[in-house]
């Protein structure tokens, strides 16, 4: 079971509900809302957002849609007037399933300067999904870059396959979307270009790492040999020549790294 780490940058609960329900149905039992603390984007009241997402689920589980933001805030729509009896029961059951006690809900705040280290820590776990469905464009590039560098394998977004009608927001929620097969939950790091970029970084960094390790080992061997044979031996002269060559190679690897195709 994978924990869901979901980045938030807006206080509208609807768009978080879809990936959360999708993942809970796949076995997720831990939901973490993440907010990047940064003055470039208006900060969300994180605890209130978590409460609103949960309350939206509760309302849907009893057949009610409630607006939480905007001009229609607090307006309630009775969904039994929209769905037939079977659909209404099915919809309520779908959302009620997500309200079980064994699902953990929490929030996490991270400073912008610590974003990479946070993602790096997540990359060391195999039971994590990072969701960027609702993340601000301000951060999407940073999160992508960190995911590439830290070898993140699960970076997802909830994608609608149609032009939504925001006058009927309940039709943009996962019950309707799943019934009509109008969404995909996409792993953004499984694309061909992303994989090529990952390999390219590996190609560029591996020779440099090898050269550094090799240089350290070579210096150690040279010092040991000098101690045994003395400075004037032919062996030490040969070793010195090899060391010069390695130094030149290391220089070129640092300033002219190998390029991927």
C-alpha atoms as a PDB file:
ATOM      1  CA  UNK A   1       0.000   0.000   0.000  1.00  0.00           C
ATOM      2  CA  UNK A   2       1.435   3.338  -1.062  1.00  0.00           C
ATOM      3  CA  UNK A   3       1.095   6.556   0.930  1.00  0.00           C
ATOM      4  CA  UNK A   4      -0.243   9.527  -1.040  1.00  0.00           C
ATOM      5  CA  UNK A   5       1.701  12.789  -0.739  1.00  0.00           C
ATOM      6  CA  UNK A   6      -0.402  15.421  -2.447  1.00  0.00           C
ATOM      7  CA  UNK A   7       0.925  18.925  -3.129  1.00  0.00           C
ATOM      8  CA  UNK A   8      -1.592  21.708  -2.531  1.00  0.00           C
ATOM      9  CA  UNK A   9      -1.697  25.285  -3.783  1.00  0.00           C
ATOM     10  CA  UNK A  10      -5.428  26.036  -3.850  1.00  0.00           C
ATOM     11  CA  UNK A  11      -8.168  25.873  -1.234  1.00  0.00           C
ATOM     12  CA  UNK A  12     -10.799  24.267  -3.487  1.00  0.00           C
ATOM     13  CA  UNK A  13     -11.297  20.720  -2.125  1.00  0.00           C
ATOM     14  CA  UNK A  14     -12.841  19.141  -5.226  1.00  0.00           C
ATOM     15  CA  UNK A  15      -9.624  18.687  -7.176  1.00  0.00           C
ATOM     16  CA  UNK A  16      -7.926  16.862  -4.316  1.00  0.00           C
ATOM     17  CA  UNK A  17     -10.855  14.530  -3.789  1.00  0.00           C
ATOM     18  CA  UNK A  18     -10.440  12.769  -7.137  1.00  0.00           C
ATOM     19  CA  UNK A  19      -6.869  11.456  -6.725  1.00  0.00           C
ATOM     20  CA  UNK A  20      -7.541  10.691  -3.060  1.00  0.00           C
ATOM     21  CA  UNK A  21     -10.569   8.506  -3.800  1.00  0.00           C
ATOM     22  CA  UNK A  22      -8.757   6.864  -6.710  1.00  0.00           C
ATOM     23  CA  UNK A  23      -5.786   5.967  -4.523  1.00  0.00           C
ATOM     24  CA  UNK A  24      -7.881   4.808  -1.555  1.00  0.00           C
ATOM     25  CA  UNK A  25      -9.644   2.397  -3.888  1.00  0.00           C
ATOM     26  CA  UNK A  26      -6.179   1.143  -4.882  1.00  0.00           C
ATOM     27  CA  UNK A  27      -5.255   0.463  -1.265  1.00  0.00           C
ATOM     28  CA  UNK A  28      -3.762   3.728   0.025  1.00  0.00           C
ATOM     29  CA  UNK A  29      -4.374   4.223   3.725  1.00  0.00           C
ATOM     30  CA  UNK A  30      -2.359   7.368   4.412  1.00  0.00           C
ATOM     31  CA  UNK A  31      -3.026  10.805   2.894  1.00  0.00           C
ATOM     32  CA  UNK A  32      -0.587  13.689   3.431  1.00  0.00           C
ATOM     33  CA  UNK A  33      -1.323  17.206   2.186  1.00  0.00           C
ATOM     34  CA  UNK A  34       1.941  19.053   1.450  1.00  0.00           C
ATOM     35  CA  UNK A  35       2.288  22.809   1.243  1.00  0.00           C
ATOM     36  CA  UNK A  36       5.455  24.560   0.096  1.00  0.00           C
ATOM     37  CA  UNK A  37       6.026  27.592   2.286  1.00  0.00           C
ATOM     38  CA  UNK A  38       7.006  30.373  -0.078  1.00  0.00           C
ATOM     39  CA  UNK A  39       5.944  34.000  -0.539  1.00  0.00           C
ATOM     40  CA  UNK A  40       5.459  33.636  -4.305  1.00  0.00           C
ATOM     41  CA  UNK A  41       2.154  31.817  -3.845  1.00  0.00           C
ATOM     42  CA  UNK A  42      -0.709  32.627  -1.496  1.00  0.00           C
ATOM     43  CA  UNK A  43      -0.643  30.119   1.314  1.00  0.00           C
ATOM     44  CA  UNK A  44      -3.548  27.755   1.854  1.00  0.00           C
ATOM     45  CA  UNK A  45      -5.029  27.157   5.300  1.00  0.00           C
ATOM     46  CA  UNK A  46      -3.825  23.588   5.266  1.00  0.00           C
ATOM     47  CA  UNK A  47      -5.803  22.197   8.188  1.00  0.00           C
ATOM     48  CA  UNK A  48      -8.977  23.833   6.897  1.00  0.00           C
ATOM     49  CA  UNK A  49      -8.379  22.367   3.443  1.00  0.00           C
ATOM     50  CA  UNK A  50      -7.933  18.891   4.890  1.00  0.00           C
ATOM     51  CA  UNK A  51     -11.157  19.313   6.863  1.00  0.00           C
ATOM     52  CA  UNK A  52     -13.025  20.538   3.772  1.00  0.00           C
ATOM     53  CA  UNK A  53     -11.884  17.589   1.660  1.00  0.00           C
ATOM     54  CA  UNK A  54     -13.033  15.207   4.373  1.00  0.00           C
ATOM     55  CA  UNK A  55     -16.329  17.073   4.796  1.00  0.00           C
ATOM     56  CA  UNK A  56     -16.893  17.000   1.040  1.00  0.00           C
ATOM     57  CA  UNK A  57     -16.508  13.231   1.160  1.00  0.00           C
ATOM     58  CA  UNK A  58     -18.931  13.022   4.070  1.00  0.00           C
ATOM     59  CA  UNK A  59     -21.512  15.144   2.264  1.00  0.00           C
ATOM     60  CA  UNK A  60     -21.220  13.099  -0.916  1.00  0.00           C
ATOM     61  CA  UNK A  61     -21.609   9.903   1.092  1.00  0.00           C
ATOM     62  CA  UNK A  62     -25.073  11.092   2.142  1.00  0.00           C
ATOM     63  CA  UNK A  63     -25.999  12.450  -1.279  1.00  0.00           C
ATOM     64  CA  UNK A  64     -25.145  16.131  -0.924  1.00  0.00           C
ATOM     65  CA  UNK A  65     -22.772  18.358  -2.871  1.00  0.00           C
ATOM     66  CA  UNK A  66     -21.627  21.493  -1.052  1.00  0.00           C
ATOM     67  CA  UNK A  67     -19.684  24.450  -2.408  1.00  0.00           C
ATOM     68  CA  UNK A  68     -16.750  25.424  -0.187  1.00  0.00           C
ATOM     69  CA  UNK A  69     -15.271  28.398  -2.041  1.00  0.00           C
ATOM     70  CA  UNK A  70     -16.343  31.135  -4.433  1.00  0.00           C
ATOM     71  CA  UNK A  71     -19.605  33.005  -4.855  1.00  0.00           C
ATOM     72  CA  UNK A  72     -21.695  29.899  -4.199  1.00  0.00           C
ATOM     73  CA  UNK A  73     -19.897  29.073  -0.965  1.00  0.00           C
ATOM     74  CA  UNK A  74     -22.064  27.036   1.453  1.00  0.00           C
ATOM     75  CA  UNK A  75     -24.696  26.356  -1.204  1.00  0.00           C
ATOM     76  CA  UNK A  76     -25.950  22.756  -1.060  1.00  0.00           C
ATOM     77  CA  UNK A  77     -27.175  20.606  -3.953  1.00  0.00           C
ATOM     78  CA  UNK A  78     -29.342  17.564  -3.240  1.00  0.00           C
ATOM     79  CA  UNK A  79     -27.981  14.923  -5.592  1.00  0.00           C
ATOM     80  CA  UNK A  80     -30.993  12.614  -5.324  1.00  0.00           C
ATOM     81  CA  UNK A  81     -32.693  14.976  -7.771  1.00  0.00           C
ATOM     82  CA  UNK A  82     -29.894  14.414 -10.301  1.00  0.00           C
ATOM     83  CA  UNK A  83     -29.203  10.675 -10.165  1.00  0.00           C
ATOM     84  CA  UNK A  84     -31.610   7.773 -10.373  1.00  0.00           C
ATOM     85  CA  UNK A  85     -32.079   5.508  -7.344  1.00  0.00           C
ATOM     86  CA  UNK A  86     -29.401   2.969  -8.302  1.00  0.00           C
ATOM     87  CA  UNK A  87     -26.836   5.603  -9.285  1.00  0.00           C
ATOM     88  CA  UNK A  88     -27.545   7.560  -6.119  1.00  0.00           C
ATOM     89  CA  UNK A  89     -26.929   4.526  -3.910  1.00  0.00           C
ATOM     90  CA  UNK A  90     -23.808   3.572  -5.851  1.00  0.00           C
ATOM     91  CA  UNK A  91     -22.401   7.086  -5.600  1.00  0.00           C
ATOM     92  CA  UNK A  92     -22.954   7.310  -1.841  1.00  0.00           C
ATOM     93  CA  UNK A  93     -21.310   3.927  -1.302  1.00  0.00           C
ATOM     94  CA  UNK A  94     -18.265   4.925  -3.352  1.00  0.00           C
ATOM     95  CA  UNK A  95     -17.564   7.963  -1.198  1.00  0.00           C
ATOM     96  CA  UNK A  96     -18.534   6.306   2.087  1.00  0.00           C
ATOM     97  CA  UNK A  97     -15.845   3.689   1.429  1.00  0.00           C
ATOM     98  CA  UNK A  98     -13.220   6.439   1.845  1.00  0.00           C
ATOM     99  CA  UNK A  99     -14.358   7.392   5.340  1.00  0.00           C
ATOM    100  CA  UNK A 100     -13.179   4.293   7.194  1.00  0.00           C
ATOM    101  CA  UNK A 101     -11.218   4.732  10.422  1.00  0.00           C
ATOM    102  CA  UNK A 102      -8.112   2.963   9.125  1.00  0.00           C
ATOM    103  CA  UNK A 103      -7.273   5.836   6.768  1.00  0.00           C
ATOM    104  CA  UNK A 104      -4.849   8.409   8.176  1.00  0.00           C
ATOM    105  CA  UNK A 105      -5.106  12.084   7.192  1.00  0.00           C
ATOM    106  CA  UNK A 106      -2.364  14.612   7.947  1.00  0.00           C
ATOM    107  CA  UNK A 107      -0.655  17.779   6.719  1.00  0.00           C
ATOM    108  CA  UNK A 108       2.978  18.683   6.167  1.00  0.00           C
ATOM    109  CA  UNK A 109       4.628  22.044   5.540  1.00  0.00           C
ATOM    110  CA  UNK A 110       8.038  22.388   3.933  1.00  0.00           C
ATOM    111  CA  UNK A 111      10.176  25.415   3.220  1.00  0.00           C
ATOM    112  CA  UNK A 112      10.854  26.031  -0.452  1.00  0.00           C
ATOM    113  CA  UNK A 113      14.612  25.800   0.135  1.00  0.00           C
ATOM    114  CA  UNK A 114      14.148  22.281   1.524  1.00  0.00           C
ATOM    115  CA  UNK A 115      11.983  20.970  -1.311  1.00  0.00           C
ATOM    116  CA  UNK A 116      14.707  18.837  -2.874  1.00  0.00           C
ATOM    117  CA  UNK A 117      15.795  17.301   0.427  1.00  0.00           C
ATOM    118  CA  UNK A 118      12.137  16.502   1.181  1.00  0.00           C
ATOM    119  CA  UNK A 119      11.662  14.770  -2.169  1.00  0.00           C
ATOM    120  CA  UNK A 120      15.018  13.046  -1.729  1.00  0.00           C
ATOM    121  CA  UNK A 121      13.798  11.566   1.556  1.00  0.00           C
ATOM    122  CA  UNK A 122      10.634  10.330  -0.168  1.00  0.00           C
ATOM    123  CA  UNK A 123      12.694   8.760  -2.960  1.00  0.00           C
ATOM    124  CA  UNK A 124      14.299   6.395  -0.467  1.00  0.00           C
ATOM    125  CA  UNK A 125      10.893   4.837   0.172  1.00  0.00           C
ATOM    126  CA  UNK A 126       9.104   2.539  -2.255  1.00  0.00           C
ATOM    127  CA  UNK A 127       5.659   2.997  -0.714  1.00  0.00           C
ATOM    128  CA  UNK A 128       5.118   6.600  -1.818  1.00  0.00           C
ATOM    129  CA  UNK A 129       3.120   8.322  -4.544  1.00  0.00           C
ATOM    130  CA  UNK A 130       3.588  12.052  -5.118  1.00  0.00           C
ATOM    131  CA  UNK A 131       0.560  13.789  -6.617  1.00  0.00           C
ATOM    132  CA  UNK A 132       0.902  17.117  -8.445  1.00  0.00           C
ATOM    133  CA  UNK A 133      -2.621  17.369  -9.853  1.00  0.00           C
ATOM    134  CA  UNK A 134      -3.278  20.758  -8.279  1.00  0.00           C
ATOM    135  CA  UNK A 135       0.212  22.119  -7.821  1.00  0.00           C
ATOM    136  CA  UNK A 136       0.945  25.674  -8.941  1.00  0.00           C
ATOM    137  CA  UNK A 137       2.930  26.194 -12.141  1.00  0.00           C
ATOM    138  CA  UNK A 138       5.407  28.078  -9.960  1.00  0.00           C
ATOM    139  CA  UNK A 139       6.515  24.788  -8.411  1.00  0.00           C
ATOM    140  CA  UNK A 140       5.885  22.193 -11.094  1.00  0.00           C
ATOM    141  CA  UNK A 141       9.295  22.710 -12.704  1.00  0.00           C
ATOM    142  CA  UNK A 142      11.049  22.431  -9.341  1.00  0.00           C
ATOM    143  CA  UNK A 143       9.207  19.244  -8.444  1.00  0.00           C
ATOM    144  CA  UNK A 144       9.964  17.724 -11.848  1.00  0.00           C
ATOM    145  CA  UNK A 145      13.643  18.609 -11.562  1.00  0.00           C
ATOM    146  CA  UNK A 146      13.895  17.167  -8.054  1.00  0.00           C
ATOM    147  CA  UNK A 147      12.055  14.029  -9.128  1.00  0.00           C
ATOM    148  CA  UNK A 148      14.468  13.563 -12.012  1.00  0.00           C
ATOM    149  CA  UNK A 149      17.569  14.090  -9.896  1.00  0.00           C
ATOM    150  CA  UNK A 150      16.301  11.966  -7.006  1.00  0.00           C
ATOM    151  CA  UNK A 151      15.054   9.129  -9.215  1.00  0.00           C
ATOM    152  CA  UNK A 152      11.402   9.384  -8.156  1.00  0.00           C
ATOM    153  CA  UNK A 153       9.359   6.562  -9.699  1.00  0.00           C
ATOM    154  CA  UNK A 154       5.802   7.627  -8.796  1.00  0.00           C
ATOM    155  CA  UNK A 155       4.871  11.194  -9.751  1.00  0.00           C
ATOM    156  CA  UNK A 156       1.201  11.313 -10.692  1.00  0.00           C
ATOM    157  CA  UNK A 157      -1.471  13.682 -11.925  1.00  0.00           C
ATOM    158  CA  UNK A 158      -5.221  13.238 -12.312  1.00  0.00           C
ATOM    159  CA  UNK A 159      -6.081  14.063 -15.919  1.00  0.00           C
ATOM    160  CA  UNK A 160      -9.573  14.823 -17.225  1.00  0.00           C
ATOM    161  CA  UNK A 161     -10.290  13.519 -20.722  1.00  0.00           C
ATOM    162  CA  UNK A 162     -12.919  16.118 -21.571  1.00  0.00           C
ATOM    163  CA  UNK A 163     -13.701  19.797 -21.167  1.00  0.00           C
ATOM    164  CA  UNK A 164     -15.374  20.092 -17.753  1.00  0.00           C
ATOM    165  CA  UNK A 165     -18.596  21.965 -17.065  1.00  0.00           C
ATOM    166  CA  UNK A 166     -17.886  23.913 -13.889  1.00  0.00           C
ATOM    167  CA  UNK A 167     -21.557  24.781 -13.570  1.00  0.00           C
ATOM    168  CA  UNK A 168     -22.067  21.150 -12.540  1.00  0.00           C
ATOM    169  CA  UNK A 169     -19.010  20.390 -10.383  1.00  0.00           C
ATOM    170  CA  UNK A 170     -20.390  17.050  -9.123  1.00  0.00           C
ATOM    171  CA  UNK A 171     -19.977  15.772 -12.691  1.00  0.00           C
ATOM    172  CA  UNK A 172     -16.231  16.472 -12.445  1.00  0.00           C
ATOM    173  CA  UNK A 173     -15.881  14.235  -9.393  1.00  0.00           C
ATOM    174  CA  UNK A 174     -14.625  10.702  -9.612  1.00  0.00           C
ATOM    175  CA  UNK A 175     -17.961   8.876  -9.412  1.00  0.00           C
ATOM    176  CA  UNK A 176     -19.150  10.374 -12.690  1.00  0.00           C
ATOM    177  CA  UNK A 177     -15.672  10.309 -14.211  1.00  0.00           C
ATOM    178  CA  UNK A 178     -15.148   6.614 -13.481  1.00  0.00           C
ATOM    179  CA  UNK A 179     -18.618   5.660 -14.656  1.00  0.00           C
ATOM    180  CA  UNK A 180     -18.055   7.369 -18.005  1.00  0.00           C
ATOM    181  CA  UNK A 181     -14.307   6.559 -18.184  1.00  0.00           C
ATOM    182  CA  UNK A 182     -13.396  10.211 -18.509  1.00  0.00           C
ATOM    183  CA  UNK A 183     -10.129  10.383 -16.595  1.00  0.00           C
ATOM    184  CA  UNK A 184      -6.650   8.915 -16.380  1.00  0.00           C
ATOM    185  CA  UNK A 185      -4.285   8.796 -13.436  1.00  0.00           C
ATOM    186  CA  UNK A 186      -0.972   9.330 -15.167  1.00  0.00           C
ATOM    187  CA  UNK A 187       2.547   8.631 -13.940  1.00  0.00           C
ATOM    188  CA  UNK A 188       4.482  11.589 -15.322  1.00  0.00           C
ATOM    189  CA  UNK A 189       7.885   9.943 -14.985  1.00  0.00           C
ATOM    190  CA  UNK A 190       7.041   6.982 -17.201  1.00  0.00           C
ATOM    191  CA  UNK A 191       7.313   8.984 -20.401  1.00  0.00           C
ATOM    192  CA  UNK A 192      10.035   8.221 -22.934  1.00  0.00           C
ATOM    193  CA  UNK A 193      11.609  11.680 -22.691  1.00  0.00           C
ATOM    194  CA  UNK A 194      11.732  11.599 -18.888  1.00  0.00           C
ATOM    195  CA  UNK A 195      13.431   8.194 -18.957  1.00  0.00           C
ATOM    196  CA  UNK A 196      15.937   9.407 -21.554  1.00  0.00           C
ATOM    197  CA  UNK A 197      16.692  12.434 -19.386  1.00  0.00           C
ATOM    198  CA  UNK A 198      17.237  10.212 -16.362  1.00  0.00           C
ATOM    199  CA  UNK A 199      19.694   8.054 -18.323  1.00  0.00           C
ATOM    200  CA  UNK A 200      21.434  11.138 -19.684  1.00  0.00           C
ATOM    201  CA  UNK A 201      22.110  12.414 -16.170  1.00  0.00           C
ATOM    202  CA  UNK A 202      23.484   8.994 -15.222  1.00  0.00           C
ATOM    203  CA  UNK A 203      25.772   9.005 -18.266  1.00  0.00           C
ATOM    204  CA  UNK A 204      27.091  12.463 -17.400  1.00  0.00           C
ATOM    205  CA  UNK A 205      27.689  11.855 -13.712  1.00  0.00           C
ATOM    206  CA  UNK A 206      29.041   8.300 -13.679  1.00  0.00           C
ATOM    207  CA  UNK A 207      32.424   9.018 -15.385  1.00  0.00           C
ATOM    208  CA  UNK A 208      33.060  11.909 -13.006  1.00  0.00           C
ATOM    209  CA  UNK A 209      32.281   9.795  -9.952  1.00  0.00           C
ATOM    210  CA  UNK A 210      34.492   6.999 -11.246  1.00  0.00           C
ATOM    211  CA  UNK A 211      37.343   9.427 -11.888  1.00  0.00           C
ATOM    212  CA  UNK A 212      37.079  10.896  -8.378  1.00  0.00           C
ATOM    213  CA  UNK A 213      37.067   7.483  -6.718  1.00  0.00           C
ATOM    214  CA  UNK A 214      39.876   6.297  -8.982  1.00  0.00           C
ATOM    215  CA  UNK A 215      41.967   9.346  -8.188  1.00  0.00           C
ATOM    216  CA  UNK A 216      41.577   8.835  -4.442  1.00  0.00           C
ATOM    217  CA  UNK A 217      42.565   5.172  -4.740  1.00  0.00           C
ATOM    218  CA  UNK A 218      45.464   6.045  -7.006  1.00  0.00           C
ATOM    219  CA  UNK A 219      46.810   8.618  -4.559  1.00  0.00           C
ATOM    220  CA  UNK A 220      46.629   6.053  -1.778  1.00  0.00           C
ATOM    221  CA  UNK A 221      48.519   3.450  -3.817  1.00  0.00           C
ATOM    222  CA  UNK A 222      51.127   6.019  -4.860  1.00  0.00           C
ATOM    223  CA  UNK A 223      51.815   7.092  -1.296  1.00  0.00           C
ATOM    224  CA  UNK A 224      52.154   3.487  -0.192  1.00  0.00           C
ATOM    225  CA  UNK A 225      54.506   2.676  -3.084  1.00  0.00           C
ATOM    226  CA  UNK A 226      56.621   5.755  -2.385  1.00  0.00           C
ATOM    227  CA  UNK A 227      57.002   4.703   1.209  1.00  0.00           C
ATOM    228  CA  UNK A 228      58.152   1.218   0.128  1.00  0.00           C
ATOM    229  CA  UNK A 229      60.324   1.964  -2.943  1.00  0.00           C
ATOM    230  CA  UNK A 230      61.427   5.560  -2.426  1.00  0.00           C
ATOM    231  CA  UNK A 231      61.099   8.556  -4.750  1.00  0.00           C
ATOM    232  CA  UNK A 232      63.830   7.588  -7.239  1.00  0.00           C
ATOM    233  CA  UNK A 233      62.571   4.166  -8.336  1.00  0.00           C
ATOM    234  CA  UNK A 234      61.393   3.501 -11.902  1.00  0.00           C
ATOM    235  CA  UNK A 235      58.078   2.248 -10.537  1.00  0.00           C
ATOM    236  CA  UNK A 236      57.360   5.590  -8.904  1.00  0.00           C
ATOM    237  CA  UNK A 237      58.258   7.440 -12.111  1.00  0.00           C
ATOM    238  CA  UNK A 238      55.799   5.295 -14.079  1.00  0.00           C
ATOM    239  CA  UNK A 239      53.136   5.825 -11.453  1.00  0.00           C
ATOM    240  CA  UNK A 240      53.747   9.568 -11.592  1.00  0.00           C
ATOM    241  CA  UNK A 241      53.256   9.566 -15.361  1.00  0.00           C
ATOM    242  CA  UNK A 242      49.996   7.636 -15.039  1.00  0.00           C
ATOM    243  CA  UNK A 243      48.865  10.093 -12.382  1.00  0.00           C
ATOM    244  CA  UNK A 244      49.457  13.000 -14.737  1.00  0.00           C
ATOM    245  CA  UNK A 245      47.356  11.329 -17.434  1.00  0.00           C
ATOM    246  CA  UNK A 246      44.542  10.636 -14.968  1.00  0.00           C
ATOM    247  CA  UNK A 247      44.629  14.245 -13.837  1.00  0.00           C
ATOM    248  CA  UNK A 248      44.182  15.452 -17.411  1.00  0.00           C
ATOM    249  CA  UNK A 249      41.282  13.032 -17.959  1.00  0.00           C
ATOM    250  CA  UNK A 250      39.608  14.188 -14.746  1.00  0.00           C
ATOM    251  CA  UNK A 251      39.961  17.807 -15.847  1.00  0.00           C
ATOM    252  CA  UNK A 252      38.144  17.123 -19.110  1.00  0.00           C
ATOM    253  CA  UNK A 253      35.400  15.128 -17.367  1.00  0.00           C
ATOM    254  CA  UNK A 254      34.727  18.040 -15.021  1.00  0.00           C
ATOM    255  CA  UNK A 255      34.697  20.833 -17.599  1.00  0.00           C
ATOM    256  CA  UNK A 256      33.650  18.867 -20.690  1.00  0.00           C
ATOM    257  CA  UNK A 257      31.291  16.130 -19.407  1.00  0.00           C
ATOM    258  CA  UNK A 258      30.254  13.276 -21.652  1.00  0.00           C
ATOM    259  CA  UNK A 259      27.028  14.113 -23.456  1.00  0.00           C
ATOM    260  CA  UNK A 260      24.183  11.695 -23.979  1.00  0.00           C
ATOM    261  CA  UNK A 261      22.857  11.174 -27.487  1.00  0.00           C
END
